[in-house]
């Protein structure tokens, strides 16, 4: 079993920055993802970091968000810059290990215009 705990969300003005953190109880060195879900919308993949530390970003965040991982701290990060109201959502940390998916409880990000 893996526990994931996100933090770092909050209210920020458009153009501002936030850094989200996801602490994993174990198995940090697997493919990990940040997803987000806005009200009335489906959950969408925002960014991925693979076992080999390759990264992937959704087109909507490319150039503004950076995913990273600190194995020693068992923590994954999402640095978000130039935030827009369209980035408002609950952000979820996900760890994929084999056939198993683990999720955090989510952290709310609200961007005001």
C-alpha atoms as a PDB file:
ATOM      1  CA  UNK A   1       0.000   0.000   0.000  1.00  0.00           C
ATOM      2  CA  UNK A   2       1.140   3.543  -0.764  1.00  0.00           C
ATOM      3  CA  UNK A   3      -0.046   6.734   0.856  1.00  0.00           C
ATOM      4  CA  UNK A   4       0.242   9.998  -1.044  1.00  0.00           C
ATOM      5  CA  UNK A   5      -0.223  13.375   0.612  1.00  0.00           C
ATOM      6  CA  UNK A   6      -0.417  16.561  -1.435  1.00  0.00           C
ATOM      7  CA  UNK A   7       0.127  20.075  -0.168  1.00  0.00           C
ATOM      8  CA  UNK A   8       0.876  23.538  -1.475  1.00  0.00           C
ATOM      9  CA  UNK A   9      -2.427  24.503  -3.012  1.00  0.00           C
ATOM     10  CA  UNK A  10      -4.103  27.804  -2.337  1.00  0.00           C
ATOM     11  CA  UNK A  11      -5.475  31.018  -3.765  1.00  0.00           C
ATOM     12  CA  UNK A  12      -3.256  33.013  -6.088  1.00  0.00           C
ATOM     13  CA  UNK A  13      -3.755  35.846  -8.535  1.00  0.00           C
ATOM     14  CA  UNK A  14      -3.385  35.327 -12.262  1.00  0.00           C
ATOM     15  CA  UNK A  15       0.265  35.442 -13.227  1.00  0.00           C
ATOM     16  CA  UNK A  16       1.338  34.092  -9.868  1.00  0.00           C
ATOM     17  CA  UNK A  17       3.123  30.902  -8.906  1.00  0.00           C
ATOM     18  CA  UNK A  18       2.581  27.935  -6.637  1.00  0.00           C
ATOM     19  CA  UNK A  19       4.555  24.801  -5.877  1.00  0.00           C
ATOM     20  CA  UNK A  20       2.666  21.625  -5.096  1.00  0.00           C
ATOM     21  CA  UNK A  21       4.252  18.784  -3.166  1.00  0.00           C
ATOM     22  CA  UNK A  22       3.336  15.117  -2.962  1.00  0.00           C
ATOM     23  CA  UNK A  23       4.926  13.007  -0.256  1.00  0.00           C
ATOM     24  CA  UNK A  24       4.826   9.266  -0.874  1.00  0.00           C
ATOM     25  CA  UNK A  25       5.055   6.704   1.906  1.00  0.00           C
ATOM     26  CA  UNK A  26       7.049   4.423  -0.374  1.00  0.00           C
ATOM     27  CA  UNK A  27       7.888   3.501  -3.971  1.00  0.00           C
ATOM     28  CA  UNK A  28       8.612   7.064  -5.043  1.00  0.00           C
ATOM     29  CA  UNK A  29      10.825   5.723  -7.845  1.00  0.00           C
ATOM     30  CA  UNK A  30       7.983   4.802 -10.160  1.00  0.00           C
ATOM     31  CA  UNK A  31       6.037   6.629 -12.811  1.00  0.00           C
ATOM     32  CA  UNK A  32       4.264   9.471 -11.067  1.00  0.00           C
ATOM     33  CA  UNK A  33       1.720  11.930 -12.332  1.00  0.00           C
ATOM     34  CA  UNK A  34      -0.107  15.110 -11.489  1.00  0.00           C
ATOM     35  CA  UNK A  35      -3.740  15.219 -12.540  1.00  0.00           C
ATOM     36  CA  UNK A  36      -6.290  17.949 -12.064  1.00  0.00           C
ATOM     37  CA  UNK A  37     -10.051  18.166 -12.068  1.00  0.00           C
ATOM     38  CA  UNK A  38     -11.963  21.389 -12.517  1.00  0.00           C
ATOM     39  CA  UNK A  39     -15.633  21.687 -11.516  1.00  0.00           C
ATOM     40  CA  UNK A  40     -17.867  19.974 -14.053  1.00  0.00           C
ATOM     41  CA  UNK A  41     -14.916  18.587 -16.007  1.00  0.00           C
ATOM     42  CA  UNK A  42     -13.174  15.246 -16.263  1.00  0.00           C
ATOM     43  CA  UNK A  43      -9.927  14.616 -14.489  1.00  0.00           C
ATOM     44  CA  UNK A  44      -7.037  15.368 -16.847  1.00  0.00           C
ATOM     45  CA  UNK A  45      -3.378  14.477 -16.868  1.00  0.00           C
ATOM     46  CA  UNK A  46      -1.170  17.507 -16.295  1.00  0.00           C
ATOM     47  CA  UNK A  47       2.368  16.141 -16.028  1.00  0.00           C
ATOM     48  CA  UNK A  48       4.267  12.854 -15.762  1.00  0.00           C
ATOM     49  CA  UNK A  49       7.699  11.860 -14.552  1.00  0.00           C
ATOM     50  CA  UNK A  50       8.795   8.341 -15.472  1.00  0.00           C
ATOM     51  CA  UNK A  51      11.057   5.855 -13.750  1.00  0.00           C
ATOM     52  CA  UNK A  52      13.836   7.116 -16.002  1.00  0.00           C
ATOM     53  CA  UNK A  53      12.938  10.712 -15.080  1.00  0.00           C
ATOM     54  CA  UNK A  54      11.598  11.590 -18.514  1.00  0.00           C
ATOM     55  CA  UNK A  55       8.862  14.178 -18.292  1.00  0.00           C
ATOM     56  CA  UNK A  56       5.630  14.834 -20.138  1.00  0.00           C
ATOM     57  CA  UNK A  57       3.329  17.844 -20.007  1.00  0.00           C
ATOM     58  CA  UNK A  58      -0.142  18.569 -21.251  1.00  0.00           C
ATOM     59  CA  UNK A  59      -0.104  21.208 -23.974  1.00  0.00           C
ATOM     60  CA  UNK A  60      -2.071  23.578 -21.777  1.00  0.00           C
ATOM     61  CA  UNK A  61       0.725  23.747 -19.166  1.00  0.00           C
ATOM     62  CA  UNK A  62       3.825  23.223 -21.261  1.00  0.00           C
ATOM     63  CA  UNK A  63       6.398  25.922 -20.589  1.00  0.00           C
ATOM     64  CA  UNK A  64       4.654  27.019 -17.375  1.00  0.00           C
ATOM     65  CA  UNK A  65       4.696  23.905 -15.153  1.00  0.00           C
ATOM     66  CA  UNK A  66       7.671  21.787 -14.122  1.00  0.00           C
ATOM     67  CA  UNK A  67       7.436  18.328 -12.578  1.00  0.00           C
ATOM     68  CA  UNK A  68      10.308  17.015 -10.487  1.00  0.00           C
ATOM     69  CA  UNK A  69      11.098  14.405  -7.882  1.00  0.00           C
ATOM     70  CA  UNK A  70      13.381  14.224  -4.843  1.00  0.00           C
ATOM     71  CA  UNK A  71      13.948  10.536  -4.199  1.00  0.00           C
ATOM     72  CA  UNK A  72      15.756  11.166  -0.918  1.00  0.00           C
ATOM     73  CA  UNK A  73      12.738  13.083   0.387  1.00  0.00           C
ATOM     74  CA  UNK A  74      10.156  10.726  -1.185  1.00  0.00           C
ATOM     75  CA  UNK A  75       8.559  13.833  -2.640  1.00  0.00           C
ATOM     76  CA  UNK A  76       7.311  14.858  -6.056  1.00  0.00           C
ATOM     77  CA  UNK A  77       6.780  18.493  -6.952  1.00  0.00           C
ATOM     78  CA  UNK A  78       4.838  20.531  -9.461  1.00  0.00           C
ATOM     79  CA  UNK A  79       6.164  24.053  -9.901  1.00  0.00           C
ATOM     80  CA  UNK A  80       3.463  26.179 -11.512  1.00  0.00           C
ATOM     81  CA  UNK A  81       4.167  29.626 -12.974  1.00  0.00           C
ATOM     82  CA  UNK A  82       2.136  32.183 -14.899  1.00  0.00           C
ATOM     83  CA  UNK A  83      -1.055  30.719 -13.528  1.00  0.00           C
ATOM     84  CA  UNK A  84      -4.354  31.560 -15.189  1.00  0.00           C
ATOM     85  CA  UNK A  85      -7.958  31.140 -13.989  1.00  0.00           C
ATOM     86  CA  UNK A  86      -8.158  28.109 -16.297  1.00  0.00           C
ATOM     87  CA  UNK A  87      -5.676  26.361 -14.005  1.00  0.00           C
ATOM     88  CA  UNK A  88      -8.210  26.415 -11.176  1.00  0.00           C
ATOM     89  CA  UNK A  89      -8.843  22.818 -10.131  1.00  0.00           C
ATOM     90  CA  UNK A  90      -8.200  20.183  -7.527  1.00  0.00           C
ATOM     91  CA  UNK A  91      -4.752  18.758  -8.202  1.00  0.00           C
ATOM     92  CA  UNK A  92      -4.101  15.087  -7.494  1.00  0.00           C
ATOM     93  CA  UNK A  93      -0.891  13.162  -7.121  1.00  0.00           C
ATOM     94  CA  UNK A  94      -0.822   9.702  -8.695  1.00  0.00           C
ATOM     95  CA  UNK A  95       1.684   6.876  -8.450  1.00  0.00           C
ATOM     96  CA  UNK A  96       1.544   3.984 -10.865  1.00  0.00           C
ATOM     97  CA  UNK A  97       3.273   0.753  -9.854  1.00  0.00           C
ATOM     98  CA  UNK A  98       2.625  -2.230 -12.063  1.00  0.00           C
ATOM     99  CA  UNK A  99      -1.127  -2.666 -12.345  1.00  0.00           C
ATOM    100  CA  UNK A 100      -1.797  -0.558  -9.259  1.00  0.00           C
ATOM    101  CA  UNK A 101      -2.763   3.106  -9.125  1.00  0.00           C
ATOM    102  CA  UNK A 102      -2.493   5.156  -5.970  1.00  0.00           C
ATOM    103  CA  UNK A 103      -4.016   8.606  -5.433  1.00  0.00           C
ATOM    104  CA  UNK A 104      -3.693  11.405  -2.962  1.00  0.00           C
ATOM    105  CA  UNK A 105      -6.619  13.300  -1.515  1.00  0.00           C
ATOM    106  CA  UNK A 106      -6.062  16.339  -3.717  1.00  0.00           C
ATOM    107  CA  UNK A 107      -5.154  19.948  -3.091  1.00  0.00           C
ATOM    108  CA  UNK A 108      -7.217  22.899  -4.290  1.00  0.00           C
ATOM    109  CA  UNK A 109      -5.647  25.515  -6.543  1.00  0.00           C
ATOM    110  CA  UNK A 110      -7.695  28.628  -7.203  1.00  0.00           C
ATOM    111  CA  UNK A 111      -6.478  31.346  -9.546  1.00  0.00           C
ATOM    112  CA  UNK A 112      -8.287  34.670  -9.447  1.00  0.00           C
ATOM    113  CA  UNK A 113      -8.414  37.006 -12.414  1.00  0.00           C
END
